[in-house]
């Protein structure tokens, strides 16, 4: 009975190895879409503001080849981007990787725009109120002059 368990375990182990070994031996196939998904988040080292996935320079082709090699070796997207940042600096990704700097670089333009909008609205309201105040006072002074002349004419006719 004990021999049967040993044989059964051996057969199960052999079946497991037969199923698992081909899966482990398969090399990871990396498509152009996989490479471009990462390259889309990076920028050309030669050109200004051109994403790596659409640039046709030799440097970009070399970088896409490096991304493909790293993907085939099992690196994750974050590891690949971190590797490029460590070697070439943060200009590779276009935005700072430090959370504080990233939030400042993304929020600051909106805050400046909002501040300018508030300043314009306050100045516009102030201008409108001054304009109506001036025109109202001019009308009142004109009214008084007209009224005084009308009263003088009426008194002269009596």
Protein backbone atom coordinates (compact mmCIF):
# COMPACT_ATOMS: atom_id res chain seq x y z
CA UNK A 1 0.00 0.00 0.00
CA UNK A 2 2.82 2.33 0.84
CA UNK A 3 4.46 1.63 -2.51
CA UNK A 4 1.28 2.66 -4.28
CA UNK A 5 1.34 6.11 -2.60
CA UNK A 6 4.96 6.58 -3.53
CA UNK A 7 4.27 5.61 -7.13
CA UNK A 8 1.13 7.79 -7.24
CA UNK A 9 3.08 10.77 -5.87
CA UNK A 10 5.83 10.18 -8.43
CA UNK A 11 3.30 10.02 -11.28
CA UNK A 12 1.57 13.22 -10.06
CA UNK A 13 4.94 15.00 -9.75
CA UNK A 14 5.91 13.91 -13.28
CA UNK A 15 2.57 15.12 -14.67
CA UNK A 16 2.98 18.44 -12.87
CA UNK A 17 6.49 18.89 -14.26
CA UNK A 18 5.32 18.03 -17.77
CA UNK A 19 2.62 20.67 -17.55
CA UNK A 20 4.70 23.33 -15.77
CA UNK A 21 8.00 23.11 -17.66
CA UNK A 22 6.70 24.18 -21.09
CA UNK A 23 4.98 27.17 -19.47
CA UNK A 24 8.21 28.15 -17.68
CA UNK A 25 10.29 27.61 -20.81
CA UNK A 26 8.13 29.91 -22.94
CA UNK A 27 9.78 33.20 -23.60
CA UNK A 28 7.68 36.27 -23.03
CA UNK A 29 6.57 37.66 -26.37
CA UNK A 30 6.55 41.43 -26.43
CA UNK A 31 4.52 43.21 -29.10
CA UNK A 32 5.03 46.68 -30.50
CA UNK A 33 1.89 47.74 -28.64
CA UNK A 34 3.47 46.70 -25.34
CA UNK A 35 6.58 48.74 -26.13
CA UNK A 36 4.58 51.74 -27.34
CA UNK A 37 2.37 51.70 -24.24
CA UNK A 38 5.47 52.50 -22.19
CA UNK A 39 7.15 54.66 -24.83
CA UNK A 40 4.02 56.84 -24.99
CA UNK A 41 4.77 58.00 -21.43
CA UNK A 42 8.34 59.02 -22.26
CA UNK A 43 9.86 61.75 -24.43
CA UNK A 44 12.53 61.77 -27.11
CA UNK A 45 16.02 62.62 -25.82
CA UNK A 46 16.85 64.54 -29.00
CA UNK A 47 13.64 66.30 -30.06
CA UNK A 48 11.61 68.74 -27.97
CA UNK A 49 8.25 67.50 -26.64
CA UNK A 50 7.97 64.52 -29.02
CA UNK A 51 6.70 61.32 -27.38
CA UNK A 52 9.06 58.38 -27.72
CA UNK A 53 6.46 56.17 -29.40
CA UNK A 54 6.08 58.45 -32.47
CA UNK A 55 9.61 59.81 -32.88
CA UNK A 56 11.66 58.37 -35.72
CA UNK A 57 15.18 59.30 -34.62
CA UNK A 58 17.84 56.66 -34.14
CA UNK A 59 18.03 57.44 -30.41
CA UNK A 60 14.32 56.75 -30.02
CA UNK A 61 14.56 53.50 -31.94
CA UNK A 62 17.40 52.47 -29.63
CA UNK A 63 15.37 53.38 -26.55
CA UNK A 64 12.35 51.43 -27.81
CA UNK A 65 14.72 48.47 -28.36
CA UNK A 66 15.89 48.81 -24.75
CA UNK A 67 12.29 48.89 -23.55
CA UNK A 68 11.55 45.72 -25.56
CA UNK A 69 14.60 43.97 -24.09
CA UNK A 70 13.66 44.96 -20.56
CA UNK A 71 10.08 43.77 -21.06
CA UNK A 72 11.36 40.44 -22.35
CA UNK A 73 13.54 40.16 -19.24
CA UNK A 74 10.44 40.59 -17.09
CA UNK A 75 10.77 44.19 -15.93
CA UNK A 76 7.55 46.02 -15.09
CA UNK A 77 6.54 49.33 -16.61
CA UNK A 78 7.39 51.22 -13.42
CA UNK A 79 10.82 49.59 -13.22
CA UNK A 80 11.60 50.48 -16.85
CA UNK A 81 10.57 54.11 -16.41
CA UNK A 82 12.53 54.35 -13.16
CA UNK A 83 15.60 52.92 -14.90
CA UNK A 84 15.39 55.52 -17.68
CA UNK A 85 14.86 58.32 -15.12
CA UNK A 86 17.90 57.17 -13.14
CA UNK A 87 20.05 57.12 -16.28
CA UNK A 88 18.78 60.18 -18.16
CA UNK A 89 16.92 62.36 -15.65
CA UNK A 90 13.32 63.38 -15.17
CA UNK A 91 13.13 65.09 -18.56
CA UNK A 92 12.50 61.58 -19.93
CA UNK A 93 8.97 61.55 -18.51
CA UNK A 94 8.14 65.24 -18.84
CA UNK A 95 6.72 65.68 -15.33
CA UNK A 96 8.61 65.52 -12.05
CA UNK A 97 8.40 62.22 -10.19
CA UNK A 98 8.53 63.87 -6.76
CA UNK A 99 4.88 64.12 -5.61
CA UNK A 100 5.31 67.65 -4.23
CA UNK A 101 6.97 68.96 -7.39
CA UNK A 102 4.45 67.17 -9.59
CA UNK A 103 1.50 68.69 -7.75
CA UNK A 104 3.11 72.12 -7.86
CA UNK A 105 3.80 71.89 -11.59
CA UNK A 106 0.27 70.73 -12.35
CA UNK A 107 -1.67 72.96 -9.92
CA UNK A 108 0.31 76.22 -10.17
CA UNK A 109 -0.87 77.21 -13.69
CA UNK A 110 -4.49 76.70 -12.63
CA UNK A 111 -4.01 78.80 -9.50
CA UNK A 112 -2.36 81.60 -11.48
CA UNK A 113 -5.18 81.55 -14.02
CA UNK A 114 -7.82 81.61 -11.28
CA UNK A 115 -6.03 84.52 -9.55
CA UNK A 116 -5.90 86.50 -12.80
CA UNK A 117 -9.59 85.83 -13.43
CA UNK A 118 -10.48 87.12 -9.95
CA UNK A 119 -8.37 90.26 -10.49
CA UNK A 120 -10.04 90.93 -13.85
CA UNK A 121 -13.54 90.45 -12.42
CA UNK A 122 -12.86 92.73 -9.43
CA UNK A 123 -11.45 95.45 -11.69
CA UNK A 124 -14.35 95.10 -14.13
CA UNK A 125 -16.93 95.48 -11.33
CA UNK A 126 -15.05 98.46 -9.94
CA UNK A 127 -14.94 100.06 -13.40
CA UNK A 128 -18.67 99.43 -13.96
CA UNK A 129 -19.62 100.92 -10.58
CA UNK A 130 -17.48 104.03 -11.19
CA UNK A 131 -18.97 104.51 -14.63
CA UNK A 132 -22.56 104.36 -13.35
CA UNK A 133 -21.73 106.62 -10.41
CA UNK A 134 -20.22 109.24 -12.71
CA UNK A 135 -23.11 109.10 -15.13
CA UNK A 136 -25.68 109.31 -12.32
CA UNK A 137 -23.99 112.37 -10.80
CA UNK A 138 -23.77 114.00 -14.21
CA UNK A 139 -27.46 113.41 -14.82
CA UNK A 140 -28.38 114.80 -11.40
CA UNK A 141 -26.28 117.94 -11.91
CA UNK A 142 -27.78 118.36 -15.37
CA UNK A 143 -31.25 117.84 -13.94
CA UNK A 144 -30.64 120.50 -11.30
CA UNK A 145 -29.48 123.02 -13.88
CA UNK A 146 -32.49 122.28 -16.09
CA UNK A 147 -34.88 122.45 -13.16
CA UNK A 148 -33.41 125.75 -11.96
CA UNK A 149 -33.71 127.28 -15.45
CA UNK A 150 -37.27 125.97 -15.84
CA UNK A 151 -38.29 127.42 -12.49
CA UNK A 152 -36.66 130.76 -13.36
CA UNK A 153 -38.59 130.85 -16.67
CA UNK A 154 -41.87 130.02 -14.96
CA UNK A 155 -41.33 132.74 -12.36
CA UNK A 156 -40.50 135.25 -15.08
CA UNK A 157 -43.83 134.54 -16.89
CA UNK A 158 -45.94 135.13 -13.85
